[in-house]
């Protein structure tokens, strides 16, 4: 039997089994996690042309595919279910949820970290709250869980979906709204897939912002409430609009492939390196690192 037939046969059988199990609601995975595994195609291609024995190549293929499947099935967040109401979509009979919760604030908290994973849907942060964090969503088949860990004057909040599914020909219904407290210094780590994100962070003291996106629309507005803000954005097939205050000095390093860019108010320092004219004299500084592929992005000073 030819190795090439075994190679492609195993791949097709595995893909078919995954989709069958997903359709039977026995396993769940989402497009964001599948998108991250695209380099596996290059690995399998490389294995197929290695000058090695047939069974060695088959073993390598099985190991790579087994690791990929393990990764896909090990992406479920399990923690605490907040209050929720259940309804049904009349056209489909699916159970959907209206969900909201407040994470209480403590006077001793000076530093806060928010880790949030977002699949398909719409995610907005446009307002403040007296609580440490307010979360709400409506009409979605996703349930979100959260955890809160407090150590001295620091708190770490982790929010994620308790079940994430791959939706091909289905419109995402999730509409998530988040509000933050203005008092702490925030580190925000946001991981989104096929999502629309609109974050107005101008009222908050943001020390670090990490954004990782796949097929997404990202609109982020930064403020000048903290002396030094570091932003790292890794965008795939995305639309990115990033607004920074004119009073802050900004340093921008950009790596882009097949991208359309618009950069306002920056001077070129070196290849893919830009700065605002007031960088050295500004009291507040923002360091931006943008890695974009197949993206349309704009960096705007306001």
Foldseek 3Di string as FASTA:
>chain_A
DDLVCVLVVVVVVVVVVVVVCQVVVNAFFEPQLVVVCVCLVVVLVVLVPDPDDSVVSVVVSVVSVVVSVVSRRPPADDDAFADWDWDADVVPRAIWIKGKDFAADDPQAAEEEEAEEAEAEEEEEDAADNGQKIKTKDGFNWTKDWDWDDDGRYIYIYIYTRGHHYDDPDHGRIHMYMHHHARHAYAYAYEYELYEYAYEAASHNYAEYEYEYENYEEEYEHHQPYQEHEYEYEYEQYEEEYEYAPLAKEKEAEAEALEAEAEPQWDDDDVRITIHPCHVPHRHYYYYYYYYYNYYYYYHYD
